[in-house]
Amino acid sequence: MSTTETTTKNVSIFSKTKNNTMRNPLAFRRLHAPIIQQRSSFSVVPPWVIVMYNTIFFNNCVSHPKEKKNELDRFCIDCLKSFCSHCLSSHAIHKHIKIRRYIYSDVINRQDLCKLFNCSGIQTYHTNKAKVLFLKQRTQSHQQQQRSNSRDYRCSICDKGLQDNTSLYCSIACKVLDIYRDEEREESSNRKVLRCLELEHEHGDEEEIYVRLPLTKKPRLRQSRKGVPLRSPMF
Protein backbone atom coordinates (compact mmCIF):
# COMPACT_ATOMS: atom_id res chain seq x y z
CA MET A 1 0.00 0.00 0.00
CA SER A 2 1.50 3.29 -1.04
CA THR A 3 1.76 5.99 1.59
CA THR A 4 3.35 8.69 -0.54
CA GLU A 5 0.31 10.16 -2.21
CA THR A 6 -2.05 12.51 -0.46
CA THR A 7 -5.43 13.28 -1.86
CA THR A 8 -8.05 15.67 -0.57
CA LYS A 9 -11.00 14.06 -2.30
CA ASN A 10 -13.32 11.58 -0.64
CA VAL A 11 -12.24 8.07 -1.49
CA SER A 12 -13.28 4.72 -0.15
CA ILE A 13 -10.67 3.49 2.26
CA PHE A 14 -12.41 0.14 2.19
CA SER A 15 -12.59 -0.15 -1.61
CA LYS A 16 -12.93 -3.14 -3.89
CA THR A 17 -10.07 -5.59 -4.12
CA LYS A 18 -8.95 -7.70 -7.04
CA ASN A 19 -11.40 -10.48 -7.89
CA ASN A 20 -13.49 -9.51 -4.88
CA THR A 21 -16.53 -7.36 -4.39
CA MET A 22 -17.65 -5.48 -1.35
CA ARG A 23 -21.00 -4.44 -0.04
CA ASN A 24 -21.73 -1.06 1.49
CA PRO A 25 -18.30 0.56 1.23
CA LEU A 26 -17.54 3.21 3.81
CA ALA A 27 -16.51 6.62 2.57
CA PHE A 28 -13.12 7.51 3.99
CA ARG A 29 -10.79 10.34 3.23
CA ARG A 30 -7.03 10.22 2.61
CA LEU A 31 -6.59 6.51 1.93
CA HIS A 32 -2.96 7.03 0.95
CA ALA A 33 -2.26 9.61 3.61
CA PRO A 34 1.10 9.13 5.32
CA ILE A 35 0.89 7.91 8.89
CA ILE A 36 1.87 10.57 11.39
CA GLN A 37 4.95 9.27 13.14
CA GLN A 38 4.46 11.41 16.21
CA ARG A 39 1.11 9.88 17.07
CA SER A 40 0.65 7.09 19.58
CA SER A 41 0.94 3.54 18.32
CA PHE A 42 -2.58 2.95 19.60
CA SER A 43 -3.94 5.65 17.28
CA VAL A 44 -2.22 4.55 14.07
CA VAL A 45 -4.21 2.34 11.72
CA PRO A 46 -2.01 -0.54 10.53
CA PRO A 47 -2.20 -1.09 6.76
CA TRP A 48 -3.16 -4.73 7.23
CA VAL A 49 -6.41 -3.66 8.90
CA ILE A 50 -7.54 -2.02 5.65
CA VAL A 51 -6.52 -5.06 3.60
CA MET A 52 -8.30 -7.37 6.01
CA TYR A 53 -11.49 -5.35 5.62
CA ASN A 54 -11.31 -5.67 1.84
CA THR A 55 -10.77 -9.42 1.97
CA ILE A 56 -13.68 -11.78 1.37
CA PHE A 57 -13.68 -14.65 3.85
CA PHE A 58 -15.32 -18.08 4.02
CA ASN A 59 -14.97 -18.87 0.33
CA ASN A 60 -13.43 -22.21 -0.57
CA CYS A 61 -9.66 -22.30 -0.65
CA VAL A 62 -8.35 -22.70 -4.19
CA SER A 63 -5.25 -24.52 -2.91
CA HIS A 64 -7.32 -27.21 -1.18
CA PRO A 65 -10.51 -27.56 -3.21
CA LYS A 66 -11.12 -31.21 -2.29
CA GLU A 67 -10.42 -30.91 1.41
CA LYS A 68 -13.14 -30.61 4.03
CA LYS A 69 -13.37 -27.44 6.10
CA ASN A 70 -11.45 -25.51 3.49
CA GLU A 71 -13.10 -22.16 4.19
CA LEU A 72 -10.88 -19.09 4.11
CA ASP A 73 -11.32 -18.20 7.77
CA ARG A 74 -7.89 -16.81 8.65
CA PHE A 75 -5.96 -13.71 7.68
CA CYS A 76 -2.18 -13.56 7.52
CA ILE A 77 -0.81 -10.19 8.62
CA ASP A 78 2.59 -10.82 7.03
CA CYS A 79 1.28 -12.08 3.68
CA LEU A 80 -1.81 -9.82 3.67
CA LYS A 81 -4.14 -12.54 2.43
CA SER A 82 -6.67 -15.07 3.66
CA PHE A 83 -6.04 -18.81 4.01
CA CYS A 84 -7.71 -21.94 5.35
CA SER A 85 -6.80 -24.35 8.14
CA HIS A 86 -4.96 -26.61 5.69
CA CYS A 87 -2.59 -23.72 4.83
CA LEU A 88 -1.40 -23.26 8.40
CA SER A 89 1.93 -24.95 7.72
CA SER A 90 2.77 -22.23 5.19
CA HIS A 91 2.07 -19.50 7.75
CA ALA A 92 3.50 -21.19 10.84
CA ILE A 93 5.87 -18.34 11.71
CA HIS A 94 3.54 -15.57 10.55
CA LYS A 95 1.12 -13.49 12.55
CA HIS A 96 -2.45 -14.33 11.67
CA ILE A 97 -5.98 -13.72 12.93
CA LYS A 98 -8.88 -16.14 13.10
CA ILE A 99 -12.09 -14.86 11.48
CA ARG A 100 -15.41 -16.11 12.83
CA ARG A 101 -19.04 -15.81 11.79
CA TYR A 102 -21.71 -14.27 13.99
CA ILE A 103 -25.19 -13.45 12.64
CA TYR A 104 -23.90 -13.68 9.04
CA SER A 105 -21.13 -11.17 9.75
CA ASP A 106 -17.36 -11.40 10.09
CA VAL A 107 -16.18 -11.06 13.68
CA ILE A 108 -12.81 -11.33 15.43
CA ASN A 109 -11.97 -12.52 18.90
CA ARG A 110 -11.33 -9.42 20.97
CA GLN A 111 -8.46 -10.98 22.87
CA ASP A 112 -6.64 -11.87 19.64
CA LEU A 113 -7.05 -8.43 18.09
CA CYS A 114 -6.08 -6.48 21.22
CA LYS A 115 -2.54 -7.81 20.85
CA LEU A 116 -2.23 -6.05 17.49
CA PHE A 117 -4.68 -3.16 17.49
CA ASN A 118 -6.24 -0.89 20.11
CA CYS A 119 -9.81 -2.16 20.55
CA SER A 120 -10.94 0.34 23.16
CA GLY A 121 -14.33 1.88 22.52
CA ILE A 122 -15.57 -0.89 20.20
CA GLN A 123 -18.77 -2.67 21.20
CA THR A 124 -18.12 -6.23 22.40
CA TYR A 125 -20.53 -9.11 21.70
CA HIS A 126 -20.63 -12.57 23.25
CA THR A 127 -20.74 -15.75 21.19
CA ASN A 128 -19.73 -19.26 22.28
CA LYS A 129 -18.40 -17.85 25.57
CA ALA A 130 -16.04 -15.56 23.66
CA LYS A 131 -15.95 -11.80 23.26
CA VAL A 132 -15.95 -10.77 19.62
CA LEU A 133 -15.84 -7.55 17.60
CA PHE A 134 -17.55 -6.83 14.30
CA LEU A 135 -15.10 -6.22 11.48
CA LYS A 136 -17.57 -4.24 9.38
CA GLN A 137 -20.63 -2.21 10.22
CA ARG A 138 -23.46 -4.27 11.63
CA THR A 139 -26.09 -5.49 9.22
CA GLN A 140 -29.62 -4.13 9.26
CA SER A 141 -31.06 -7.46 10.41
CA HIS A 142 -28.74 -7.50 13.41
CA GLN A 143 -29.69 -3.92 14.15
CA GLN A 144 -33.41 -4.80 14.19
CA GLN A 145 -32.77 -7.80 16.41
CA GLN A 146 -30.96 -5.71 19.01
CA ARG A 147 -33.31 -2.72 18.82
CA SER A 148 -35.76 -4.04 21.41
CA ASN A 149 -33.02 -4.57 24.00
CA SER A 150 -30.84 -1.54 23.25
CA ARG A 151 -31.22 1.83 24.86
CA ASP A 152 -30.44 5.16 23.37
CA TYR A 153 -26.73 4.39 22.94
CA ARG A 154 -25.51 5.11 19.42
CA CYS A 155 -22.35 4.58 17.42
CA SER A 156 -20.57 7.90 17.04
CA ILE A 157 -19.97 7.21 13.33
CA CYS A 158 -22.90 5.29 11.80
CA ASP A 159 -25.50 5.98 14.52
CA LYS A 160 -26.33 2.30 14.95
CA GLY A 161 -27.57 1.17 18.36
CA LEU A 162 -25.10 0.03 21.02
CA GLN A 163 -25.67 -2.13 24.07
CA ASP A 164 -24.05 0.13 26.65
CA ASN A 165 -22.70 3.62 27.16
CA THR A 166 -19.09 2.48 27.54
CA SER A 167 -18.72 1.85 23.79
CA LEU A 168 -18.30 4.43 21.05
CA TYR A 169 -18.24 2.30 17.89
CA CYS A 170 -20.27 -0.65 16.64
CA SER A 171 -17.37 -2.12 14.65
CA ILE A 172 -13.68 -1.95 13.87
CA ALA A 173 -14.47 -0.09 10.66
CA CYS A 174 -16.18 2.76 12.52
CA LYS A 175 -13.22 3.22 14.84
CA VAL A 176 -10.83 3.37 11.88
CA LEU A 177 -12.97 6.08 10.33
CA ASP A 178 -12.91 8.08 13.56
CA ILE A 179 -9.11 7.82 13.75
CA TYR A 180 -8.81 9.27 10.25
CA ARG A 181 -11.19 12.08 11.17
CA ASP A 182 -9.12 12.87 14.26
CA GLU A 183 -6.04 13.01 12.06
CA GLU A 184 -7.72 15.51 9.76
CA ARG A 185 -8.80 17.65 12.71
CA GLU A 186 -5.26 17.56 14.09
CA GLU A 187 -3.80 18.59 10.75
CA SER A 188 -6.31 21.44 10.48
CA SER A 189 -5.35 22.62 13.96
CA ASN A 190 -1.66 22.41 13.07
CA ARG A 191 -2.25 24.51 9.97
CA LYS A 192 -3.92 27.19 12.09
CA VAL A 193 -1.00 27.19 14.53
CA LEU A 194 1.50 27.48 11.68
CA ARG A 195 -0.46 30.36 10.22
CA CYS A 196 -0.42 32.17 13.55
CA LEU A 197 3.33 31.63 13.80
CA GLU A 198 3.80 32.99 10.29
CA LEU A 199 1.79 36.08 11.12
CA GLU A 200 3.75 36.54 14.32
CA HIS A 201 6.99 36.13 12.41
CA GLU A 202 5.90 38.69 9.82
CA HIS A 203 4.89 41.08 12.58
CA GLY A 204 8.23 40.56 14.28
CA ASP A 205 10.09 41.38 11.06
CA GLU A 206 8.19 44.64 10.74
CA GLU A 207 9.16 45.62 14.27
CA GLU A 208 12.78 44.77 13.57
CA ILE A 209 12.78 46.90 10.45
CA TYR A 210 11.20 49.73 12.34
CA VAL A 211 13.87 49.60 15.04
CA ARG A 212 16.68 49.61 12.50
CA LEU A 213 15.40 52.62 10.63
CA PRO A 214 17.93 55.48 10.81
CA LEU A 215 16.91 58.13 13.26
CA THR A 216 16.53 61.57 11.71
CA LYS A 217 17.87 64.40 13.81
CA LYS A 218 15.44 67.10 14.64
CA PRO A 219 16.50 70.30 12.81
CA ARG A 220 17.68 73.05 15.10
CA LEU A 221 15.80 76.30 14.89
CA ARG A 222 17.95 79.20 13.70
CA GLN A 223 18.12 81.97 16.22
CA SER A 224 17.31 85.26 14.61
CA ARG A 225 20.06 87.82 14.83
CA LYS A 226 19.38 90.65 17.26
CA GLY A 227 18.31 93.69 15.26
CA VAL A 228 18.51 97.45 15.86
CA PRO A 229 16.14 98.46 18.66
CA LEU A 230 13.28 100.68 17.59
CA ARG A 231 12.64 103.72 19.70
CA SER A 232 9.22 105.18 20.21
CA PRO A 233 8.70 108.52 18.49
CA MET A 234 9.08 111.57 20.70
CA PHE A 235 6.48 114.28 20.56
C-alpha atoms as a PDB file:
ATOM      1  CA  MET A   1       0.000   0.000   0.000  1.00  0.00           C
ATOM      2  CA  SER A   2       1.501   3.292  -1.043  1.00  0.00           C
ATOM      3  CA  THR A   3       1.764   5.987   1.585  1.00  0.00           C
ATOM      4  CA  THR A   4       3.355   8.692  -0.544  1.00  0.00           C
ATOM      5  CA  GLU A   5       0.308  10.163  -2.209  1.00  0.00           C
ATOM      6  CA  THR A   6      -2.046  12.512  -0.457  1.00  0.00           C
ATOM      7  CA  THR A   7      -5.431  13.278  -1.862  1.00  0.00           C
ATOM      8  CA  THR A   8      -8.054  15.675  -0.572  1.00  0.00           C
ATOM      9  CA  LYS A   9     -11.000  14.059  -2.296  1.00  0.00           C
ATOM     10  CA  ASN A  10     -13.319  11.578  -0.640  1.00  0.00           C
ATOM     11  CA  VAL A  11     -12.241   8.071  -1.492  1.00  0.00           C
ATOM     12  CA  SER A  12     -13.280   4.722  -0.154  1.00  0.00           C
ATOM     13  CA  ILE A  13     -10.674   3.493   2.256  1.00  0.00           C
ATOM     14  CA  PHE A  14     -12.414   0.141   2.189  1.00  0.00           C
ATOM     15  CA  SER A  15     -12.594  -0.148  -1.609  1.00  0.00           C
ATOM     16  CA  LYS A  16     -12.925  -3.138  -3.894  1.00  0.00           C
ATOM     17  CA  THR A  17     -10.069  -5.586  -4.124  1.00  0.00           C
ATOM     18  CA  LYS A  18      -8.953  -7.703  -7.040  1.00  0.00           C
ATOM     19  CA  ASN A  19     -11.402 -10.481  -7.890  1.00  0.00           C
ATOM     20  CA  ASN A  20     -13.493  -9.506  -4.878  1.00  0.00           C
ATOM     21  CA  THR A  21     -16.526  -7.356  -4.386  1.00  0.00           C
ATOM     22  CA  MET A  22     -17.646  -5.477  -1.347  1.00  0.00           C
ATOM     23  CA  ARG A  23     -21.003  -4.439  -0.039  1.00  0.00           C
ATOM     24  CA  ASN A  24     -21.732  -1.058   1.492  1.00  0.00           C
ATOM     25  CA  PRO A  25     -18.297   0.558   1.227  1.00  0.00           C
ATOM     26  CA  LEU A  26     -17.537   3.207   3.813  1.00  0.00           C
ATOM     27  CA  ALA A  27     -16.509   6.618   2.567  1.00  0.00           C
ATOM     28  CA  PHE A  28     -13.121   7.507   3.986  1.00  0.00           C
ATOM     29  CA  ARG A  29     -10.791  10.342   3.232  1.00  0.00           C
ATOM     30  CA  ARG A  30      -7.029  10.222   2.606  1.00  0.00           C
ATOM     31  CA  LEU A  31      -6.586   6.507   1.932  1.00  0.00           C
ATOM     32  CA  HIS A  32      -2.963   7.027   0.952  1.00  0.00           C
ATOM     33  CA  ALA A  33      -2.261   9.611   3.609  1.00  0.00           C
ATOM     34  CA  PRO A  34       1.098   9.135   5.319  1.00  0.00           C
ATOM     35  CA  ILE A  35       0.891   7.912   8.885  1.00  0.00           C
ATOM     36  CA  ILE A  36       1.868  10.570  11.385  1.00  0.00           C
ATOM     37  CA  GLN A  37       4.951   9.270  13.141  1.00  0.00           C
ATOM     38  CA  GLN A  38       4.464  11.407  16.212  1.00  0.00           C
ATOM     39  CA  ARG A  39       1.109   9.879  17.072  1.00  0.00           C
ATOM     40  CA  SER A  40       0.654   7.092  19.585  1.00  0.00           C
ATOM     41  CA  SER A  41       0.944   3.535  18.316  1.00  0.00           C
ATOM     42  CA  PHE A  42      -2.579   2.947  19.599  1.00  0.00           C
ATOM     43  CA  SER A  43      -3.935   5.648  17.276  1.00  0.00           C
ATOM     44  CA  VAL A  44      -2.218   4.553  14.069  1.00  0.00           C
ATOM     45  CA  VAL A  45      -4.214   2.344  11.717  1.00  0.00           C
ATOM     46  CA  PRO A  46      -2.008  -0.545  10.533  1.00  0.00           C
ATOM     47  CA  PRO A  47      -2.196  -1.086   6.758  1.00  0.00           C
ATOM     48  CA  TRP A  48      -3.161  -4.734   7.232  1.00  0.00           C
ATOM     49  CA  VAL A  49      -6.415  -3.656   8.902  1.00  0.00           C
ATOM     50  CA  ILE A  50      -7.536  -2.020   5.649  1.00  0.00           C
ATOM     51  CA  VAL A  51      -6.521  -5.061   3.603  1.00  0.00           C
ATOM     52  CA  MET A  52      -8.305  -7.373   6.007  1.00  0.00           C
ATOM     53  CA  TYR A  53     -11.485  -5.352   5.624  1.00  0.00           C
ATOM     54  CA  ASN A  54     -11.305  -5.665   1.837  1.00  0.00           C
ATOM     55  CA  THR A  55     -10.766  -9.420   1.972  1.00  0.00           C
ATOM     56  CA  ILE A  56     -13.682 -11.783   1.368  1.00  0.00           C
ATOM     57  CA  PHE A  57     -13.681 -14.650   3.852  1.00  0.00           C
ATOM     58  CA  PHE A  58     -15.321 -18.083   4.022  1.00  0.00           C
ATOM     59  CA  ASN A  59     -14.971 -18.865   0.334  1.00  0.00           C
ATOM     60  CA  ASN A  60     -13.429 -22.210  -0.568  1.00  0.00           C
ATOM     61  CA  CYS A  61      -9.656 -22.303  -0.647  1.00  0.00           C
ATOM     62  CA  VAL A  62      -8.346 -22.703  -4.190  1.00  0.00           C
ATOM     63  CA  SER A  63      -5.249 -24.522  -2.909  1.00  0.00           C
ATOM     64  CA  HIS A  64      -7.317 -27.214  -1.179  1.00  0.00           C
ATOM     65  CA  PRO A  65     -10.508 -27.558  -3.212  1.00  0.00           C
ATOM     66  CA  LYS A  66     -11.117 -31.213  -2.293  1.00  0.00           C
ATOM     67  CA  GLU A  67     -10.423 -30.911   1.410  1.00  0.00           C
ATOM     68  CA  LYS A  68     -13.137 -30.614   4.026  1.00  0.00           C
ATOM     69  CA  LYS A  69     -13.365 -27.440   6.099  1.00  0.00           C
ATOM     70  CA  ASN A  70     -11.446 -25.508   3.485  1.00  0.00           C
ATOM     71  CA  GLU A  71     -13.099 -22.155   4.185  1.00  0.00           C
ATOM     72  CA  LEU A  72     -10.879 -19.091   4.114  1.00  0.00           C
ATOM     73  CA  ASP A  73     -11.319 -18.203   7.772  1.00  0.00           C
ATOM     74  CA  ARG A  74      -7.894 -16.813   8.646  1.00  0.00           C
ATOM     75  CA  PHE A  75      -5.961 -13.705   7.682  1.00  0.00           C
ATOM     76  CA  CYS A  76      -2.178 -13.557   7.524  1.00  0.00           C
ATOM     77  CA  ILE A  77      -0.813 -10.188   8.619  1.00  0.00           C
ATOM     78  CA  ASP A  78       2.591 -10.824   7.033  1.00  0.00           C
ATOM     79  CA  CYS A  79       1.283 -12.077   3.675  1.00  0.00           C
ATOM     80  CA  LEU A  80      -1.811  -9.823   3.673  1.00  0.00           C
ATOM     81  CA  LYS A  81      -4.137 -12.543   2.425  1.00  0.00           C
ATOM     82  CA  SER A  82      -6.674 -15.074   3.660  1.00  0.00           C
ATOM     83  CA  PHE A  83      -6.043 -18.808   4.010  1.00  0.00           C
ATOM     84  CA  CYS A  84      -7.706 -21.942   5.352  1.00  0.00           C
ATOM     85  CA  SER A  85      -6.801 -24.346   8.143  1.00  0.00           C
ATOM     86  CA  HIS A  86      -4.956 -26.611   5.686  1.00  0.00           C
ATOM     87  CA  CYS A  87      -2.591 -23.723   4.827  1.00  0.00           C
ATOM     88  CA  LEU A  88      -1.397 -23.260   8.400  1.00  0.00           C
ATOM     89  CA  SER A  89       1.927 -24.949   7.716  1.00  0.00           C
ATOM     90  CA  SER A  90       2.767 -22.231   5.186  1.00  0.00           C
ATOM     91  CA  HIS A  91       2.074 -19.500   7.748  1.00  0.00           C
ATOM     92  CA  ALA A  92       3.497 -21.188  10.837  1.00  0.00           C
ATOM     93  CA  ILE A  93       5.871 -18.341  11.709  1.00  0.00           C
ATOM     94  CA  HIS A  94       3.539 -15.566  10.547  1.00  0.00           C
ATOM     95  CA  LYS A  95       1.120 -13.494  12.554  1.00  0.00           C
ATOM     96  CA  HIS A  96      -2.449 -14.326  11.665  1.00  0.00           C
ATOM     97  CA  ILE A  97      -5.983 -13.717  12.928  1.00  0.00           C
ATOM     98  CA  LYS A  98      -8.879 -16.145  13.096  1.00  0.00           C
ATOM     99  CA  ILE A  99     -12.087 -14.860  11.483  1.00  0.00           C
ATOM    100  CA  ARG A 100     -15.411 -16.109  12.828  1.00  0.00           C
ATOM    101  CA  ARG A 101     -19.043 -15.810  11.792  1.00  0.00           C
ATOM    102  CA  TYR A 102     -21.708 -14.272  13.986  1.00  0.00           C
ATOM    103  CA  ILE A 103     -25.194 -13.446  12.639  1.00  0.00           C
ATOM    104  CA  TYR A 104     -23.904 -13.678   9.041  1.00  0.00           C
ATOM    105  CA  SER A 105     -21.134 -11.174   9.754  1.00  0.00           C
ATOM    106  CA  ASP A 106     -17.357 -11.400  10.085  1.00  0.00           C
ATOM    107  CA  VAL A 107     -16.183 -11.063  13.683  1.00  0.00           C
ATOM    108  CA  ILE A 108     -12.814 -11.328  15.430  1.00  0.00           C
ATOM    109  CA  ASN A 109     -11.972 -12.524  18.903  1.00  0.00           C
ATOM    110  CA  ARG A 110     -11.325  -9.420  20.969  1.00  0.00           C
ATOM    111  CA  GLN A 111      -8.465 -10.983  22.874  1.00  0.00           C
ATOM    112  CA  ASP A 112      -6.645 -11.870  19.644  1.00  0.00           C
ATOM    113  CA  LEU A 113      -7.053  -8.432  18.089  1.00  0.00           C
ATOM    114  CA  CYS A 114      -6.083  -6.476  21.217  1.00  0.00           C
ATOM    115  CA  LYS A 115      -2.543  -7.811  20.852  1.00  0.00           C
ATOM    116  CA  LEU A 116      -2.228  -6.055  17.487  1.00  0.00           C
ATOM    117  CA  PHE A 117      -4.683  -3.155  17.492  1.00  0.00           C
ATOM    118  CA  ASN A 118      -6.237  -0.890  20.108  1.00  0.00           C
ATOM    119  CA  CYS A 119      -9.808  -2.162  20.551  1.00  0.00           C
ATOM    120  CA  SER A 120     -10.937   0.343  23.164  1.00  0.00           C
ATOM    121  CA  GLY A 121     -14.333   1.884  22.521  1.00  0.00           C
ATOM    122  CA  ILE A 122     -15.566  -0.892  20.202  1.00  0.00           C
ATOM    123  CA  GLN A 123     -18.767  -2.673  21.196  1.00  0.00           C
ATOM    124  CA  THR A 124     -18.119  -6.233  22.400  1.00  0.00           C
ATOM    125  CA  TYR A 125     -20.533  -9.110  21.703  1.00  0.00           C
ATOM    126  CA  HIS A 126     -20.626 -12.566  23.254  1.00  0.00           C
ATOM    127  CA  THR A 127     -20.745 -15.746  21.192  1.00  0.00           C
ATOM    128  CA  ASN A 128     -19.735 -19.260  22.282  1.00  0.00           C
ATOM    129  CA  LYS A 129     -18.403 -17.846  25.570  1.00  0.00           C
ATOM    130  CA  ALA A 130     -16.038 -15.564  23.664  1.00  0.00           C
ATOM    131  CA  LYS A 131     -15.950 -11.797  23.265  1.00  0.00           C
ATOM    132  CA  VAL A 132     -15.951 -10.770  19.616  1.00  0.00           C
ATOM    133  CA  LEU A 133     -15.842  -7.548  17.598  1.00  0.00           C
ATOM    134  CA  PHE A 134     -17.553  -6.827  14.305  1.00  0.00           C
ATOM    135  CA  LEU A 135     -15.099  -6.219  11.477  1.00  0.00           C
ATOM    136  CA  LYS A 136     -17.574  -4.242   9.378  1.00  0.00           C
ATOM    137  CA  GLN A 137     -20.627  -2.214  10.220  1.00  0.00           C
ATOM    138  CA  ARG A 138     -23.456  -4.265  11.634  1.00  0.00           C
ATOM    139  CA  THR A 139     -26.087  -5.487   9.222  1.00  0.00           C
ATOM    140  CA  GLN A 140     -29.616  -4.129   9.262  1.00  0.00           C
ATOM    141  CA  SER A 141     -31.063  -7.464  10.414  1.00  0.00           C
ATOM    142  CA  HIS A 142     -28.737  -7.502  13.406  1.00  0.00           C
ATOM    143  CA  GLN A 143     -29.692  -3.917  14.146  1.00  0.00           C
ATOM    144  CA  GLN A 144     -33.409  -4.795  14.186  1.00  0.00           C
ATOM    145  CA  GLN A 145     -32.775  -7.803  16.408  1.00  0.00           C
ATOM    146  CA  GLN A 146     -30.963  -5.712  19.010  1.00  0.00           C
ATOM    147  CA  ARG A 147     -33.310  -2.722  18.820  1.00  0.00           C
ATOM    148  CA  SER A 148     -35.758  -4.043  21.407  1.00  0.00           C
ATOM    149  CA  ASN A 149     -33.023  -4.568  23.995  1.00  0.00           C
ATOM    150  CA  SER A 150     -30.839  -1.544  23.254  1.00  0.00           C
ATOM    151  CA  ARG A 151     -31.222   1.827  24.861  1.00  0.00           C
ATOM    152  CA  ASP A 152     -30.437   5.158  23.372  1.00  0.00           C
ATOM    153  CA  TYR A 153     -26.730   4.391  22.936  1.00  0.00           C
ATOM    154  CA  ARG A 154     -25.506   5.110  19.416  1.00  0.00           C
ATOM    155  CA  CYS A 155     -22.352   4.576  17.418  1.00  0.00           C
ATOM    156  CA  SER A 156     -20.565   7.901  17.037  1.00  0.00           C
ATOM    157  CA  ILE A 157     -19.968   7.215  13.331  1.00  0.00           C
ATOM    158  CA  CYS A 158     -22.899   5.290  11.800  1.00  0.00           C
ATOM    159  CA  ASP A 159     -25.502   5.982  14.524  1.00  0.00           C
ATOM    160  CA  LYS A 160     -26.334   2.299  14.945  1.00  0.00           C
ATOM    161  CA  GLY A 161     -27.565   1.169  18.359  1.00  0.00           C
ATOM    162  CA  LEU A 162     -25.098   0.031  21.021  1.00  0.00           C
ATOM    163  CA  GLN A 163     -25.672  -2.130  24.069  1.00  0.00           C
ATOM    164  CA  ASP A 164     -24.050   0.133  26.655  1.00  0.00           C
ATOM    165  CA  ASN A 165     -22.700   3.623  27.158  1.00  0.00           C
ATOM    166  CA  THR A 166     -19.089   2.479  27.543  1.00  0.00           C
ATOM    167  CA  SER A 167     -18.721   1.851  23.790  1.00  0.00           C
ATOM    168  CA  LEU A 168     -18.303   4.434  21.051  1.00  0.00           C
ATOM    169  CA  TYR A 169     -18.240   2.296  17.895  1.00  0.00           C
ATOM    170  CA  CYS A 170     -20.267  -0.646  16.641  1.00  0.00           C
ATOM    171  CA  SER A 171     -17.374  -2.121  14.649  1.00  0.00           C
ATOM    172  CA  ILE A 172     -13.681  -1.947  13.874  1.00  0.00           C
ATOM    173  CA  ALA A 173     -14.469  -0.094  10.660  1.00  0.00           C
ATOM    174  CA  CYS A 174     -16.177   2.759  12.517  1.00  0.00           C
ATOM    175  CA  LYS A 175     -13.217   3.219  14.838  1.00  0.00           C
ATOM    176  CA  VAL A 176     -10.831   3.365  11.882  1.00  0.00           C
ATOM    177  CA  LEU A 177     -12.967   6.079  10.334  1.00  0.00           C
ATOM    178  CA  ASP A 178     -12.909   8.085  13.560  1.00  0.00           C
ATOM    179  CA  ILE A 179      -9.112   7.821  13.752  1.00  0.00           C
ATOM    180  CA  TYR A 180      -8.811   9.266  10.250  1.00  0.00           C
ATOM    181  CA  ARG A 181     -11.190  12.077  11.166  1.00  0.00           C
ATOM    182  CA  ASP A 182      -9.119  12.869  14.259  1.00  0.00           C
ATOM    183  CA  GLU A 183      -6.041  13.006  12.057  1.00  0.00           C
ATOM    184  CA  GLU A 184      -7.716  15.512   9.763  1.00  0.00           C
ATOM    185  CA  ARG A 185      -8.802  17.655  12.707  1.00  0.00           C
ATOM    186  CA  GLU A 186      -5.264  17.559  14.090  1.00  0.00           C
ATOM    187  CA  GLU A 187      -3.796  18.592  10.753  1.00  0.00           C
ATOM    188  CA  SER A 188      -6.311  21.439  10.482  1.00  0.00           C
ATOM    189  CA  SER A 189      -5.353  22.618  13.960  1.00  0.00           C
ATOM    190  CA  ASN A 190      -1.659  22.407  13.071  1.00  0.00           C
ATOM    191  CA  ARG A 191      -2.255  24.511   9.965  1.00  0.00           C
ATOM    192  CA  LYS A 192      -3.924  27.185  12.094  1.00  0.00           C
ATOM    193  CA  VAL A 193      -1.004  27.192  14.526  1.00  0.00           C
ATOM    194  CA  LEU A 194       1.498  27.481  11.679  1.00  0.00           C
ATOM    195  CA  ARG A 195      -0.461  30.363  10.216  1.00  0.00           C
ATOM    196  CA  CYS A 196      -0.419  32.168  13.554  1.00  0.00           C
ATOM    197  CA  LEU A 197       3.329  31.632  13.799  1.00  0.00           C
ATOM    198  CA  GLU A 198       3.802  32.988  10.291  1.00  0.00           C
ATOM    199  CA  LEU A 199       1.792  36.083  11.117  1.00  0.00           C
ATOM    200  CA  GLU A 200       3.750  36.540  14.322  1.00  0.00           C
ATOM    201  CA  HIS A 201       6.992  36.129  12.411  1.00  0.00           C
ATOM    202  CA  GLU A 202       5.904  38.687   9.823  1.00  0.00           C
ATOM    203  CA  HIS A 203       4.894  41.081  12.578  1.00  0.00           C
ATOM    204  CA  GLY A 204       8.233  40.559  14.279  1.00  0.00           C
ATOM    205  CA  ASP A 205      10.094  41.376  11.056  1.00  0.00           C
ATOM    206  CA  GLU A 206       8.192  44.641  10.738  1.00  0.00           C
ATOM    207  CA  GLU A 207       9.161  45.623  14.271  1.00  0.00           C
ATOM    208  CA  GLU A 208      12.778  44.774  13.574  1.00  0.00           C
ATOM    209  CA  ILE A 209      12.780  46.903  10.446  1.00  0.00           C
ATOM    210  CA  TYR A 210      11.196  49.732  12.345  1.00  0.00           C
ATOM    211  CA  VAL A 211      13.872  49.598  15.040  1.00  0.00           C
ATOM    212  CA  ARG A 212      16.676  49.608  12.496  1.00  0.00           C
ATOM    213  CA  LEU A 213      15.400  52.623  10.633  1.00  0.00           C
ATOM    214  CA  PRO A 214      17.928  55.481  10.807  1.00  0.00           C
ATOM    215  CA  LEU A 215      16.912  58.128  13.260  1.00  0.00           C
ATOM    216  CA  THR A 216      16.533  61.574  11.706  1.00  0.00           C
ATOM    217  CA  LYS A 217      17.867  64.398  13.810  1.00  0.00           C
ATOM    218  CA  LYS A 218      15.436  67.097  14.645  1.00  0.00           C
ATOM    219  CA  PRO A 219      16.500  70.298  12.811  1.00  0.00           C
ATOM    220  CA  ARG A 220      17.678  73.051  15.104  1.00  0.00           C
ATOM    221  CA  LEU A 221      15.801  76.298  14.892  1.00  0.00           C
ATOM    222  CA  ARG A 222      17.947  79.201  13.696  1.00  0.00           C
ATOM    223  CA  GLN A 223      18.123  81.965  16.220  1.00  0.00           C
ATOM    224  CA  SER A 224      17.307  85.259  14.612  1.00  0.00           C
ATOM    225  CA  ARG A 225      20.062  87.821  14.826  1.00  0.00           C
ATOM    226  CA  LYS A 226      19.378  90.647  17.263  1.00  0.00           C
ATOM    227  CA  GLY A 227      18.312  93.690  15.262  1.00  0.00           C
ATOM    228  CA  VAL A 228      18.505  97.453  15.865  1.00  0.00           C
ATOM    229  CA  PRO A 229      16.138  98.462  18.661  1.00  0.00           C
ATOM    230  CA  LEU A 230      13.280 100.681  17.594  1.00  0.00           C
ATOM    231  CA  ARG A 231      12.643 103.717  19.704  1.00  0.00           C
ATOM    232  CA  SER A 232       9.219 105.178  20.210  1.00  0.00           C
ATOM    233  CA  PRO A 233       8.701 108.518  18.490  1.00  0.00           C
ATOM    234  CA  MET A 234       9.077 111.572  20.699  1.00  0.00           C
ATOM    235  CA  PHE A 235       6.475 114.280  20.564  1.00  0.00           C
END
